[in-house]
Amino acid sequence: MRGLIYAIISIFALSAEAFAAGHDAPRNSADAEATLSTAEVYEEVAEVVRKFGAYFTDLEDPQPDALFDKNDPSPMYLAEEMSDWVIGWQGFEWYFHTPARDKLVQAMDYTPSNIRVKSLSDDLAVATWFVWAEFKLGSRPPVGEHLRATGIMRKTDEGWKMVYYAESPISALAYIEDLYEAMATPEFRARFNRNPKKEDFGLE
């Protein structure tokens, strides 16, 4: 039995080392991030991101599509469960305003953190952020997950509005590593100065 346990640990360790360069990459420096945009642009765009999360969490009107530029004929949206981007307002209406969706989603919490904003021009910016999502769908049990999100925004007469949004799920292998890491006790992690991944999402 002990030999089997060591074998499993060895396989897991080798698999983790194989992709650690991407999953456990060095943190970006604060100086580098400070050059991405002005403080004013950052605050304005970050506020849109925070509203986006609040609109998801509320489940009532307004829905998140209210934060997209209504003058854009082809906004783009990719949720993690989609196989392709939704493009255009007809698709947005289907995704955000169908009775079937309202019936399925009982509760949802969308918590953005680690928001970054990079100016592309005077009226365009790209934002990236982490998402801690929790939701209850139909008769299924409540679940939570880590996501990464990217939004492209345009400055309009009504303020910054999205024209593009995409969610990036973390790979299954990375989730398994996070799961095993989370099961280590805080006392054990403290011996190696390692914090759980939830800290990156503003949840610890």
N, C-alpha and C. Protein backbone atom coordinates (compact mmCIF):
# COMPACT_ATOMS: atom_id res chain seq x y z
N MET A 1 0.83 -1.21 0.00
CA MET A 1 0.00 0.00 0.00
C MET A 1 0.87 1.26 0.00
N ARG A 2 1.92 1.24 0.83
CA ARG A 2 2.78 2.42 0.89
C ARG A 2 3.43 2.68 -0.46
N GLY A 3 3.82 1.61 -1.15
CA GLY A 3 4.43 1.76 -2.47
C GLY A 3 3.48 2.39 -3.46
N LEU A 4 2.20 2.00 -3.38
CA LEU A 4 1.20 2.57 -4.28
C LEU A 4 1.02 4.05 -4.01
N ILE A 5 0.98 4.41 -2.73
CA ILE A 5 0.84 5.82 -2.37
C ILE A 5 2.01 6.63 -2.91
N TYR A 6 3.24 6.12 -2.74
CA TYR A 6 4.41 6.84 -3.25
C TYR A 6 4.35 6.98 -4.76
N ALA A 7 3.86 5.93 -5.43
CA ALA A 7 3.77 5.98 -6.89
C ALA A 7 2.79 7.06 -7.33
N ILE A 8 1.64 7.14 -6.65
CA ILE A 8 0.64 8.15 -6.99
C ILE A 8 1.20 9.55 -6.76
N ILE A 9 1.88 9.72 -5.60
CA ILE A 9 2.47 11.03 -5.29
C ILE A 9 3.51 11.41 -6.34
N SER A 10 4.32 10.42 -6.77
CA SER A 10 5.36 10.70 -7.76
C SER A 10 4.77 11.12 -9.08
N ILE A 11 3.70 10.44 -9.51
CA ILE A 11 3.05 10.80 -10.77
C ILE A 11 2.49 12.19 -10.70
N PHE A 12 1.83 12.49 -9.56
CA PHE A 12 1.24 13.82 -9.41
C PHE A 12 2.32 14.89 -9.40
N ALA A 13 3.43 14.61 -8.70
CA ALA A 13 4.51 15.59 -8.60
C ALA A 13 5.14 15.85 -9.96
N LEU A 14 5.37 14.79 -10.74
CA LEU A 14 5.96 14.95 -12.05
C LEU A 14 5.04 15.72 -12.98
N SER A 15 3.72 15.42 -12.90
CA SER A 15 2.76 16.13 -13.72
C SER A 15 2.73 17.60 -13.35
N ALA A 16 2.79 17.88 -12.05
CA ALA A 16 2.76 19.27 -11.59
C ALA A 16 4.00 20.02 -12.05
N GLU A 17 5.17 19.36 -11.97
CA GLU A 17 6.40 20.01 -12.39
C GLU A 17 6.38 20.31 -13.88
N ALA A 18 5.72 19.43 -14.65
CA ALA A 18 5.71 19.58 -16.10
C ALA A 18 5.05 20.87 -16.55
N PHE A 19 4.03 21.32 -15.80
CA PHE A 19 3.35 22.54 -16.23
C PHE A 19 3.49 23.67 -15.22
N ALA A 20 4.36 23.51 -14.23
CA ALA A 20 4.50 24.53 -13.18
C ALA A 20 4.97 25.86 -13.74
N ALA A 21 5.76 25.82 -14.81
CA ALA A 21 6.27 27.08 -15.36
C ALA A 21 5.14 28.00 -15.81
N GLY A 22 4.03 27.40 -16.26
CA GLY A 22 2.90 28.22 -16.68
C GLY A 22 1.93 28.49 -15.56
N HIS A 23 1.66 27.49 -14.73
CA HIS A 23 0.63 27.61 -13.70
C HIS A 23 1.11 28.39 -12.49
N ASP A 24 2.39 28.29 -12.19
CA ASP A 24 2.93 28.91 -10.99
C ASP A 24 3.96 29.98 -11.38
N ALA A 25 3.63 30.78 -12.37
CA ALA A 25 4.56 31.76 -12.92
C ALA A 25 4.83 32.87 -11.91
N PRO A 26 5.96 33.57 -12.05
CA PRO A 26 6.27 34.69 -11.15
C PRO A 26 5.19 35.77 -11.24
N ARG A 27 4.98 36.46 -10.14
CA ARG A 27 4.00 37.54 -10.14
C ARG A 27 4.52 38.73 -10.91
N ASN A 28 3.60 39.45 -11.55
CA ASN A 28 3.98 40.66 -12.27
C ASN A 28 4.37 41.75 -11.26
N SER A 29 5.30 42.60 -11.65
CA SER A 29 5.74 43.66 -10.76
C SER A 29 4.72 44.79 -10.75
N ALA A 30 4.62 45.46 -9.62
CA ALA A 30 3.71 46.59 -9.50
C ALA A 30 4.12 47.71 -10.44
N ASP A 31 5.42 47.89 -10.65
CA ASP A 31 5.91 48.95 -11.53
C ASP A 31 5.45 48.72 -12.97
N ALA A 32 5.49 47.47 -13.40
CA ALA A 32 5.06 47.15 -14.77
C ALA A 32 3.56 47.40 -14.92
N GLU A 33 2.79 47.00 -13.94
CA GLU A 33 1.34 47.17 -14.03
C GLU A 33 0.95 48.65 -13.97
N ALA A 34 1.74 49.46 -13.29
CA ALA A 34 1.41 50.88 -13.15
C ALA A 34 1.51 51.62 -14.48
N THR A 35 2.24 51.07 -15.45
CA THR A 35 2.40 51.73 -16.74
C THR A 35 1.31 51.36 -17.74
N LEU A 36 0.37 50.52 -17.36
CA LEU A 36 -0.64 50.05 -18.31
C LEU A 36 -1.65 51.12 -18.68
N SER A 37 -2.02 51.96 -17.71
CA SER A 37 -3.00 53.02 -17.97
C SER A 37 -2.85 54.10 -16.91
N THR A 38 -3.55 55.21 -17.12
CA THR A 38 -3.57 56.24 -16.09
C THR A 38 -4.48 55.80 -14.95
N ALA A 39 -4.31 56.44 -13.81
CA ALA A 39 -5.15 56.12 -12.65
C ALA A 39 -6.62 56.39 -12.95
N GLU A 40 -6.87 57.45 -13.72
CA GLU A 40 -8.26 57.81 -14.04
C GLU A 40 -8.92 56.74 -14.90
N VAL A 41 -8.21 56.30 -15.94
CA VAL A 41 -8.76 55.25 -16.81
C VAL A 41 -8.95 53.97 -16.02
N TYR A 42 -7.97 53.65 -15.19
CA TYR A 42 -8.09 52.43 -14.39
C TYR A 42 -9.37 52.45 -13.55
N GLU A 43 -9.60 53.52 -12.82
CA GLU A 43 -10.76 53.58 -11.93
C GLU A 43 -12.07 53.50 -12.69
N GLU A 44 -12.13 54.19 -13.84
CA GLU A 44 -13.37 54.19 -14.62
C GLU A 44 -13.67 52.81 -15.18
N VAL A 45 -12.65 52.14 -15.73
CA VAL A 45 -12.85 50.82 -16.32
C VAL A 45 -13.08 49.77 -15.23
N ALA A 46 -12.33 49.86 -14.13
CA ALA A 46 -12.50 48.91 -13.03
C ALA A 46 -13.91 48.99 -12.44
N GLU A 47 -14.48 50.18 -12.44
CA GLU A 47 -15.85 50.33 -11.94
C GLU A 47 -16.84 49.58 -12.83
N VAL A 48 -16.60 49.57 -14.13
CA VAL A 48 -17.45 48.79 -15.03
C VAL A 48 -17.34 47.30 -14.70
N VAL A 49 -16.12 46.84 -14.44
CA VAL A 49 -15.92 45.43 -14.08
C VAL A 49 -16.68 45.09 -12.80
N ARG A 50 -16.60 45.97 -11.80
CA ARG A 50 -17.30 45.71 -10.54
C ARG A 50 -18.81 45.70 -10.75
N LYS A 51 -19.33 46.61 -11.60
CA LYS A 51 -20.76 46.61 -11.91
C LYS A 51 -21.15 45.33 -12.64
N PHE A 52 -20.28 44.87 -13.52
CA PHE A 52 -20.53 43.64 -14.26
C PHE A 52 -20.76 42.48 -13.29
N GLY A 53 -19.89 42.37 -12.28
CA GLY A 53 -20.06 41.33 -11.27
C GLY A 53 -21.33 41.52 -10.47
N ALA A 54 -21.65 42.77 -10.13
CA ALA A 54 -22.86 43.05 -9.34
C ALA A 54 -24.12 42.70 -10.12
N TYR A 55 -24.12 42.97 -11.43
CA TYR A 55 -25.30 42.67 -12.24
C TYR A 55 -25.52 41.17 -12.36
N PHE A 56 -24.43 40.41 -12.45
CA PHE A 56 -24.55 38.95 -12.46
C PHE A 56 -25.13 38.45 -11.14
N THR A 57 -24.63 39.00 -10.05
CA THR A 57 -25.02 38.52 -8.73
C THR A 57 -26.48 38.83 -8.42
N ASP A 58 -26.97 39.97 -8.89
CA ASP A 58 -28.32 40.41 -8.57
C ASP A 58 -29.40 39.53 -9.18
N LEU A 59 -29.18 39.04 -10.41
CA LEU A 59 -30.14 38.22 -11.16
C LEU A 59 -31.37 39.00 -11.62
N GLU A 60 -31.52 40.21 -11.17
CA GLU A 60 -32.63 41.06 -11.62
C GLU A 60 -32.09 42.08 -12.63
N ASP A 61 -33.00 42.82 -13.25
CA ASP A 61 -32.54 43.87 -14.17
C ASP A 61 -31.83 44.96 -13.39
N PRO A 62 -30.78 45.58 -13.97
CA PRO A 62 -30.27 45.31 -15.31
C PRO A 62 -29.38 44.07 -15.36
N GLN A 63 -29.36 43.41 -16.49
CA GLN A 63 -28.49 42.28 -16.73
C GLN A 63 -27.12 42.78 -17.22
N PRO A 64 -26.09 41.94 -17.19
CA PRO A 64 -24.75 42.38 -17.59
C PRO A 64 -24.66 42.95 -19.00
N ASP A 65 -25.57 42.54 -19.90
CA ASP A 65 -25.49 43.08 -21.26
C ASP A 65 -25.79 44.58 -21.31
N ALA A 66 -26.33 45.13 -20.24
CA ALA A 66 -26.58 46.57 -20.19
C ALA A 66 -25.29 47.37 -20.17
N LEU A 67 -24.17 46.71 -19.87
CA LEU A 67 -22.88 47.39 -19.81
C LEU A 67 -22.14 47.33 -21.14
N PHE A 68 -22.76 46.79 -22.17
CA PHE A 68 -22.16 46.75 -23.49
C PHE A 68 -22.60 47.97 -24.30
N ASP A 69 -21.76 48.36 -25.26
CA ASP A 69 -22.01 49.52 -26.11
C ASP A 69 -23.17 49.23 -27.05
N LYS A 70 -24.30 49.88 -26.84
CA LYS A 70 -25.49 49.64 -27.65
C LYS A 70 -25.32 50.10 -29.10
N ASN A 71 -24.33 50.94 -29.37
CA ASN A 71 -24.08 51.39 -30.73
C ASN A 71 -23.16 50.46 -31.51
N ASP A 72 -22.65 49.43 -30.83
CA ASP A 72 -21.81 48.45 -31.51
C ASP A 72 -22.72 47.38 -32.13
N PRO A 73 -22.68 47.18 -33.44
CA PRO A 73 -23.59 46.22 -34.06
C PRO A 73 -23.23 44.77 -33.79
N SER A 74 -22.01 44.51 -33.34
CA SER A 74 -21.61 43.11 -33.17
C SER A 74 -20.78 42.90 -31.91
N PRO A 75 -21.35 43.13 -30.72
CA PRO A 75 -20.63 42.81 -29.48
C PRO A 75 -20.36 41.31 -29.42
N MET A 76 -19.31 40.94 -28.71
CA MET A 76 -18.90 39.53 -28.63
C MET A 76 -18.87 39.07 -27.19
N TYR A 77 -19.33 37.84 -26.96
CA TYR A 77 -19.42 37.32 -25.59
C TYR A 77 -19.13 35.82 -25.59
N LEU A 78 -18.24 35.40 -24.71
CA LEU A 78 -17.92 33.98 -24.56
C LEU A 78 -17.95 33.60 -23.10
N ALA A 79 -18.98 32.84 -22.69
CA ALA A 79 -19.03 32.27 -21.35
C ALA A 79 -18.26 30.96 -21.35
N GLU A 80 -17.83 30.52 -20.19
CA GLU A 80 -16.99 29.33 -20.12
C GLU A 80 -17.68 28.09 -20.67
N GLU A 81 -19.02 28.03 -20.56
CA GLU A 81 -19.73 26.83 -21.00
C GLU A 81 -20.03 26.83 -22.50
N MET A 82 -19.71 27.93 -23.20
CA MET A 82 -20.01 28.03 -24.62
C MET A 82 -18.89 27.42 -25.46
N SER A 83 -19.28 26.84 -26.59
CA SER A 83 -18.29 26.31 -27.53
C SER A 83 -17.84 27.36 -28.53
N ASP A 84 -18.58 28.47 -28.64
CA ASP A 84 -18.24 29.53 -29.57
C ASP A 84 -18.75 30.86 -29.02
N TRP A 85 -18.21 31.97 -29.54
CA TRP A 85 -18.63 33.29 -29.10
C TRP A 85 -20.05 33.60 -29.56
N VAL A 86 -20.82 34.25 -28.71
CA VAL A 86 -22.08 34.86 -29.14
C VAL A 86 -21.72 36.22 -29.73
N ILE A 87 -22.20 36.49 -30.95
CA ILE A 87 -21.88 37.73 -31.64
C ILE A 87 -23.18 38.41 -32.04
N GLY A 88 -23.39 39.64 -31.58
CA GLY A 88 -24.57 40.40 -31.96
C GLY A 88 -25.67 40.36 -30.92
N TRP A 89 -26.58 41.31 -31.03
CA TRP A 89 -27.60 41.53 -30.01
C TRP A 89 -28.66 40.43 -29.96
N GLN A 90 -28.90 39.76 -31.07
CA GLN A 90 -29.85 38.65 -31.04
C GLN A 90 -29.35 37.54 -30.12
N GLY A 91 -28.07 37.23 -30.22
CA GLY A 91 -27.48 36.23 -29.36
C GLY A 91 -27.46 36.67 -27.90
N PHE A 92 -27.21 37.95 -27.65
CA PHE A 92 -27.22 38.48 -26.29
C PHE A 92 -28.61 38.35 -25.67
N GLU A 93 -29.64 38.63 -26.47
CA GLU A 93 -31.02 38.51 -25.99
C GLU A 93 -31.32 37.07 -25.61
N TRP A 94 -30.86 36.15 -26.44
CA TRP A 94 -31.05 34.72 -26.16
C TRP A 94 -30.35 34.31 -24.87
N TYR A 95 -29.13 34.80 -24.65
CA TYR A 95 -28.34 34.34 -23.50
C TYR A 95 -28.81 34.96 -22.19
N PHE A 96 -29.12 36.26 -22.21
CA PHE A 96 -29.40 36.97 -20.96
C PHE A 96 -30.88 37.10 -20.61
N HIS A 97 -31.77 36.91 -21.57
CA HIS A 97 -33.16 37.28 -21.31
C HIS A 97 -34.18 36.20 -21.69
N THR A 98 -33.77 34.95 -21.67
CA THR A 98 -34.72 33.88 -21.97
C THR A 98 -35.33 33.35 -20.68
N PRO A 99 -36.62 32.98 -20.69
CA PRO A 99 -37.25 32.39 -19.51
C PRO A 99 -36.53 31.13 -19.03
N ALA A 100 -35.97 30.35 -19.96
CA ALA A 100 -35.28 29.12 -19.58
C ALA A 100 -34.08 29.41 -18.67
N ARG A 101 -33.33 30.49 -18.99
CA ARG A 101 -32.18 30.86 -18.16
C ARG A 101 -32.65 31.32 -16.79
N ASP A 102 -33.69 32.15 -16.77
CA ASP A 102 -34.20 32.65 -15.50
C ASP A 102 -34.68 31.51 -14.60
N LYS A 103 -35.23 30.48 -15.22
CA LYS A 103 -35.73 29.35 -14.45
C LYS A 103 -34.59 28.49 -13.93
N LEU A 104 -33.52 28.36 -14.72
CA LEU A 104 -32.41 27.48 -14.36
C LEU A 104 -31.54 28.07 -13.26
N VAL A 105 -31.19 29.36 -13.37
CA VAL A 105 -30.25 29.98 -12.44
C VAL A 105 -30.99 30.43 -11.19
N GLN A 106 -30.75 29.74 -10.07
CA GLN A 106 -31.39 30.10 -8.81
C GLN A 106 -30.60 31.17 -8.06
N ALA A 107 -29.30 31.10 -8.15
CA ALA A 107 -28.45 32.08 -7.46
C ALA A 107 -27.08 32.09 -8.12
N MET A 108 -26.44 33.26 -8.09
CA MET A 108 -25.10 33.38 -8.67
C MET A 108 -24.35 34.50 -7.96
N ASP A 109 -23.13 34.23 -7.58
CA ASP A 109 -22.22 35.25 -7.06
C ASP A 109 -21.03 35.34 -8.00
N TYR A 110 -20.73 36.54 -8.46
CA TYR A 110 -19.63 36.78 -9.39
C TYR A 110 -18.74 37.83 -8.74
N THR A 111 -17.59 37.40 -8.22
CA THR A 111 -16.72 38.31 -7.47
C THR A 111 -15.44 38.56 -8.26
N PRO A 112 -15.27 39.77 -8.86
CA PRO A 112 -14.02 40.07 -9.57
C PRO A 112 -12.92 40.52 -8.62
N SER A 113 -11.69 40.21 -8.97
CA SER A 113 -10.54 40.67 -8.19
C SER A 113 -9.33 40.79 -9.11
N ASN A 114 -8.26 41.39 -8.59
CA ASN A 114 -7.00 41.53 -9.34
C ASN A 114 -7.26 42.15 -10.72
N ILE A 115 -8.01 43.25 -10.73
CA ILE A 115 -8.37 43.91 -11.99
C ILE A 115 -7.15 44.66 -12.55
N ARG A 116 -6.88 44.43 -13.83
CA ARG A 116 -5.83 45.17 -14.53
C ARG A 116 -6.43 45.85 -15.74
N VAL A 117 -5.96 47.03 -16.06
CA VAL A 117 -6.50 47.80 -17.19
C VAL A 117 -5.34 48.33 -18.02
N LYS A 118 -5.38 48.04 -19.33
CA LYS A 118 -4.35 48.54 -20.25
C LYS A 118 -5.02 49.40 -21.31
N SER A 119 -4.56 50.65 -21.44
CA SER A 119 -5.08 51.55 -22.47
C SER A 119 -4.54 51.12 -23.83
N LEU A 120 -5.44 51.03 -24.81
CA LEU A 120 -5.04 50.71 -26.18
C LEU A 120 -5.03 51.97 -27.04
N SER A 121 -5.89 52.92 -26.71
CA SER A 121 -5.95 54.23 -27.37
C SER A 121 -6.73 55.15 -26.45
N ASP A 122 -7.03 56.35 -26.91
CA ASP A 122 -7.76 57.29 -26.06
C ASP A 122 -9.15 56.77 -25.69
N ASP A 123 -9.74 55.95 -26.57
CA ASP A 123 -11.10 55.50 -26.30
C ASP A 123 -11.26 53.98 -26.28
N LEU A 124 -10.16 53.25 -26.19
CA LEU A 124 -10.22 51.79 -26.09
C LEU A 124 -9.31 51.30 -24.97
N ALA A 125 -9.76 50.31 -24.24
CA ALA A 125 -8.96 49.72 -23.17
C ALA A 125 -9.30 48.25 -23.05
N VAL A 126 -8.34 47.46 -22.61
CA VAL A 126 -8.58 46.05 -22.33
C VAL A 126 -8.39 45.84 -20.83
N ALA A 127 -9.30 45.09 -20.24
CA ALA A 127 -9.22 44.80 -18.81
C ALA A 127 -9.14 43.29 -18.62
N THR A 128 -8.37 42.86 -17.65
CA THR A 128 -8.32 41.45 -17.26
C THR A 128 -8.58 41.37 -15.77
N TRP A 129 -9.19 40.29 -15.34
CA TRP A 129 -9.46 40.12 -13.92
C TRP A 129 -9.71 38.65 -13.59
N PHE A 130 -9.58 38.34 -12.29
CA PHE A 130 -9.93 37.02 -11.79
C PHE A 130 -11.41 37.03 -11.40
N VAL A 131 -12.01 35.87 -11.48
CA VAL A 131 -13.40 35.71 -11.06
C VAL A 131 -13.52 34.54 -10.10
N TRP A 132 -14.14 34.77 -8.95
CA TRP A 132 -14.57 33.68 -8.09
C TRP A 132 -16.07 33.58 -8.28
N ALA A 133 -16.51 32.50 -8.94
CA ALA A 133 -17.92 32.33 -9.28
C ALA A 133 -18.54 31.22 -8.44
N GLU A 134 -19.70 31.50 -7.89
CA GLU A 134 -20.49 30.50 -7.17
C GLU A 134 -21.91 30.56 -7.72
N PHE A 135 -22.50 29.39 -7.95
CA PHE A 135 -23.84 29.40 -8.51
C PHE A 135 -24.61 28.14 -8.15
N LYS A 136 -25.93 28.26 -8.24
CA LYS A 136 -26.86 27.17 -7.98
C LYS A 136 -27.77 27.07 -9.19
N LEU A 137 -27.69 25.94 -9.88
CA LEU A 137 -28.47 25.72 -11.09
C LEU A 137 -29.47 24.59 -10.87
N GLY A 138 -30.74 24.89 -11.02
CA GLY A 138 -31.78 23.88 -10.92
C GLY A 138 -31.67 23.05 -9.65
N SER A 139 -31.73 21.72 -9.83
CA SER A 139 -31.67 20.81 -8.68
C SER A 139 -30.23 20.43 -8.32
N ARG A 140 -29.25 20.98 -9.03
CA ARG A 140 -27.85 20.64 -8.76
C ARG A 140 -27.38 21.32 -7.48
N PRO A 141 -26.34 20.75 -6.83
CA PRO A 141 -25.82 21.38 -5.60
C PRO A 141 -25.07 22.65 -5.93
N PRO A 142 -24.92 23.58 -4.97
CA PRO A 142 -24.13 24.79 -5.18
C PRO A 142 -22.67 24.43 -5.49
N VAL A 143 -22.06 25.17 -6.40
CA VAL A 143 -20.66 24.95 -6.76
C VAL A 143 -19.94 26.28 -6.86
N GLY A 144 -18.63 26.23 -6.79
CA GLY A 144 -17.80 27.42 -6.95
C GLY A 144 -16.60 27.10 -7.82
N GLU A 145 -16.06 28.11 -8.50
CA GLU A 145 -14.91 27.88 -9.37
C GLU A 145 -14.12 29.17 -9.61
N HIS A 146 -12.86 28.99 -10.02
CA HIS A 146 -12.00 30.09 -10.39
C HIS A 146 -12.06 30.28 -11.90
N LEU A 147 -12.15 31.52 -12.35
CA LEU A 147 -12.10 31.85 -13.77
C LEU A 147 -11.18 33.04 -13.97
N ARG A 148 -10.74 33.22 -15.20
CA ARG A 148 -10.08 34.47 -15.62
C ARG A 148 -10.98 35.11 -16.67
N ALA A 149 -11.03 36.42 -16.74
CA ALA A 149 -11.90 37.11 -17.69
C ALA A 149 -11.14 38.24 -18.38
N THR A 150 -11.54 38.50 -19.62
CA THR A 150 -10.98 39.60 -20.41
C THR A 150 -12.12 40.40 -21.02
N GLY A 151 -12.06 41.71 -20.89
CA GLY A 151 -13.06 42.58 -21.51
C GLY A 151 -12.39 43.71 -22.26
N ILE A 152 -12.89 43.99 -23.45
CA ILE A 152 -12.44 45.15 -24.22
C ILE A 152 -13.54 46.20 -24.13
N MET A 153 -13.15 47.43 -23.81
CA MET A 153 -14.13 48.50 -23.58
C MET A 153 -13.84 49.73 -24.42
N ARG A 154 -14.92 50.40 -24.79
CA ARG A 154 -14.84 51.63 -25.58
C ARG A 154 -15.42 52.78 -24.76
N LYS A 155 -14.75 53.93 -24.81
CA LYS A 155 -15.26 55.11 -24.11
C LYS A 155 -16.31 55.77 -24.98
N THR A 156 -17.52 55.90 -24.44
CA THR A 156 -18.63 56.49 -25.17
C THR A 156 -19.12 57.73 -24.43
N ASP A 157 -20.15 58.37 -24.98
CA ASP A 157 -20.74 59.52 -24.30
C ASP A 157 -21.36 59.13 -22.97
N GLU A 158 -21.67 57.84 -22.80
CA GLU A 158 -22.26 57.33 -21.55
C GLU A 158 -21.22 56.69 -20.64
N GLY A 159 -19.94 56.88 -20.96
CA GLY A 159 -18.88 56.27 -20.17
C GLY A 159 -18.33 55.04 -20.87
N TRP A 160 -17.50 54.29 -20.16
CA TRP A 160 -16.88 53.10 -20.73
C TRP A 160 -17.92 51.98 -20.86
N LYS A 161 -17.93 51.36 -22.05
CA LYS A 161 -18.85 50.26 -22.32
C LYS A 161 -18.08 49.10 -22.95
N MET A 162 -18.50 47.88 -22.63
CA MET A 162 -17.86 46.71 -23.19
C MET A 162 -18.26 46.51 -24.65
N VAL A 163 -17.33 45.94 -25.42
CA VAL A 163 -17.64 45.48 -26.77
C VAL A 163 -17.25 44.01 -26.93
N TYR A 164 -16.49 43.49 -25.96
CA TYR A 164 -16.01 42.10 -26.03
C TYR A 164 -15.81 41.57 -24.61
N TYR A 165 -16.20 40.31 -24.39
CA TYR A 165 -15.99 39.67 -23.09
C TYR A 165 -15.74 38.19 -23.31
N ALA A 166 -14.77 37.63 -22.58
CA ALA A 166 -14.50 36.20 -22.66
C ALA A 166 -14.02 35.68 -21.32
N GLU A 167 -14.50 34.51 -20.94
CA GLU A 167 -14.06 33.81 -19.73
C GLU A 167 -13.08 32.71 -20.09
N SER A 168 -12.05 32.56 -19.28
CA SER A 168 -11.02 31.55 -19.51
C SER A 168 -10.97 30.59 -18.32
N PRO A 169 -11.57 29.40 -18.45
CA PRO A 169 -11.50 28.44 -17.36
C PRO A 169 -10.07 27.97 -17.14
N ILE A 170 -9.76 27.60 -15.92
CA ILE A 170 -8.46 27.03 -15.61
C ILE A 170 -8.50 25.55 -16.00
N SER A 171 -7.39 25.03 -16.49
CA SER A 171 -7.36 23.64 -16.97
C SER A 171 -7.65 22.66 -15.84
N ALA A 172 -8.13 21.48 -16.22
CA ALA A 172 -8.46 20.45 -15.23
C ALA A 172 -7.24 20.08 -14.39
N LEU A 173 -6.07 19.99 -15.03
CA LEU A 173 -4.86 19.62 -14.30
C LEU A 173 -4.51 20.67 -13.25
N ALA A 174 -4.68 21.95 -13.63
CA ALA A 174 -4.40 23.02 -12.67
C ALA A 174 -5.41 22.99 -11.53
N TYR A 175 -6.67 22.68 -11.83
CA TYR A 175 -7.67 22.57 -10.77
C TYR A 175 -7.32 21.46 -9.78
N ILE A 176 -6.83 20.34 -10.30
CA ILE A 176 -6.46 19.22 -9.43
C ILE A 176 -5.32 19.64 -8.50
N GLU A 177 -4.33 20.35 -9.04
CA GLU A 177 -3.23 20.82 -8.21
C GLU A 177 -3.76 21.76 -7.12
N ASP A 178 -4.65 22.69 -7.50
CA ASP A 178 -5.22 23.62 -6.53
C ASP A 178 -5.99 22.88 -5.45
N LEU A 179 -6.71 21.81 -5.84
CA LEU A 179 -7.49 21.04 -4.89
C LEU A 179 -6.58 20.38 -3.85
N TYR A 180 -5.52 19.76 -4.33
CA TYR A 180 -4.59 19.11 -3.40
C TYR A 180 -3.91 20.16 -2.51
N GLU A 181 -3.57 21.31 -3.10
CA GLU A 181 -2.91 22.36 -2.31
C GLU A 181 -3.85 22.89 -1.24
N ALA A 182 -5.13 23.02 -1.56
CA ALA A 182 -6.10 23.55 -0.60
C ALA A 182 -6.31 22.60 0.57
N MET A 183 -6.05 21.32 0.36
CA MET A 183 -6.26 20.34 1.44
C MET A 183 -5.12 20.32 2.45
N ALA A 184 -3.99 20.97 2.14
CA ALA A 184 -2.92 21.09 3.12
C ALA A 184 -3.36 22.08 4.20
N THR A 185 -3.04 21.78 5.45
CA THR A 185 -3.47 22.64 6.56
C THR A 185 -2.72 23.97 6.53
N PRO A 186 -3.32 25.03 7.04
CA PRO A 186 -2.62 26.33 7.09
C PRO A 186 -1.29 26.23 7.82
N GLU A 187 -1.23 25.42 8.87
CA GLU A 187 0.00 25.27 9.65
C GLU A 187 1.12 24.66 8.81
N PHE A 188 0.76 23.66 7.99
CA PHE A 188 1.76 23.02 7.15
C PHE A 188 2.23 23.96 6.05
N ARG A 189 1.30 24.70 5.44
CA ARG A 189 1.67 25.63 4.38
C ARG A 189 2.56 26.74 4.92
N ALA A 190 2.30 27.16 6.17
CA ALA A 190 3.08 28.25 6.75
C ALA A 190 4.56 27.90 6.86
N ARG A 191 4.87 26.61 7.00
CA ARG A 191 6.27 26.19 7.09
C ARG A 191 7.03 26.46 5.80
N PHE A 192 6.29 26.61 4.70
CA PHE A 192 6.92 26.82 3.39
C PHE A 192 6.53 28.15 2.77
N ASN A 193 5.86 28.98 3.57
CA ASN A 193 5.46 30.32 3.12
C ASN A 193 4.64 30.25 1.83
N ARG A 194 3.70 29.31 1.78
CA ARG A 194 2.83 29.15 0.62
C ARG A 194 1.39 29.39 1.04
N ASN A 195 0.71 30.25 0.29
CA ASN A 195 -0.68 30.56 0.57
C ASN A 195 -1.57 29.86 -0.45
N PRO A 196 -2.81 29.56 -0.08
CA PRO A 196 -3.71 28.90 -1.03
C PRO A 196 -4.08 29.82 -2.19
N LYS A 197 -4.48 29.22 -3.31
CA LYS A 197 -4.79 29.99 -4.50
C LYS A 197 -5.93 30.98 -4.27
N LYS A 198 -6.82 30.69 -3.32
CA LYS A 198 -7.96 31.59 -3.08
C LYS A 198 -7.48 32.98 -2.72
N GLU A 199 -6.29 33.09 -2.17
CA GLU A 199 -5.77 34.42 -1.81
C GLU A 199 -5.66 35.30 -3.04
N ASP A 200 -5.30 34.70 -4.19
CA ASP A 200 -5.19 35.47 -5.42
C ASP A 200 -6.53 36.05 -5.84
N PHE A 201 -7.61 35.41 -5.43
CA PHE A 201 -8.95 35.85 -5.80
C PHE A 201 -9.58 36.73 -4.73
N GLY A 202 -8.78 37.17 -3.78
CA GLY A 202 -9.28 38.07 -2.75
C GLY A 202 -10.22 37.39 -1.77
N LEU A 203 -10.04 36.08 -1.57
CA LEU A 203 -10.98 35.34 -0.73
C LEU A 203 -10.33 34.80 0.53
N GLU A 204 -9.09 35.15 0.79
CA GLU A 204 -8.43 34.70 2.02
C GLU A 204 -7.93 35.90 2.79
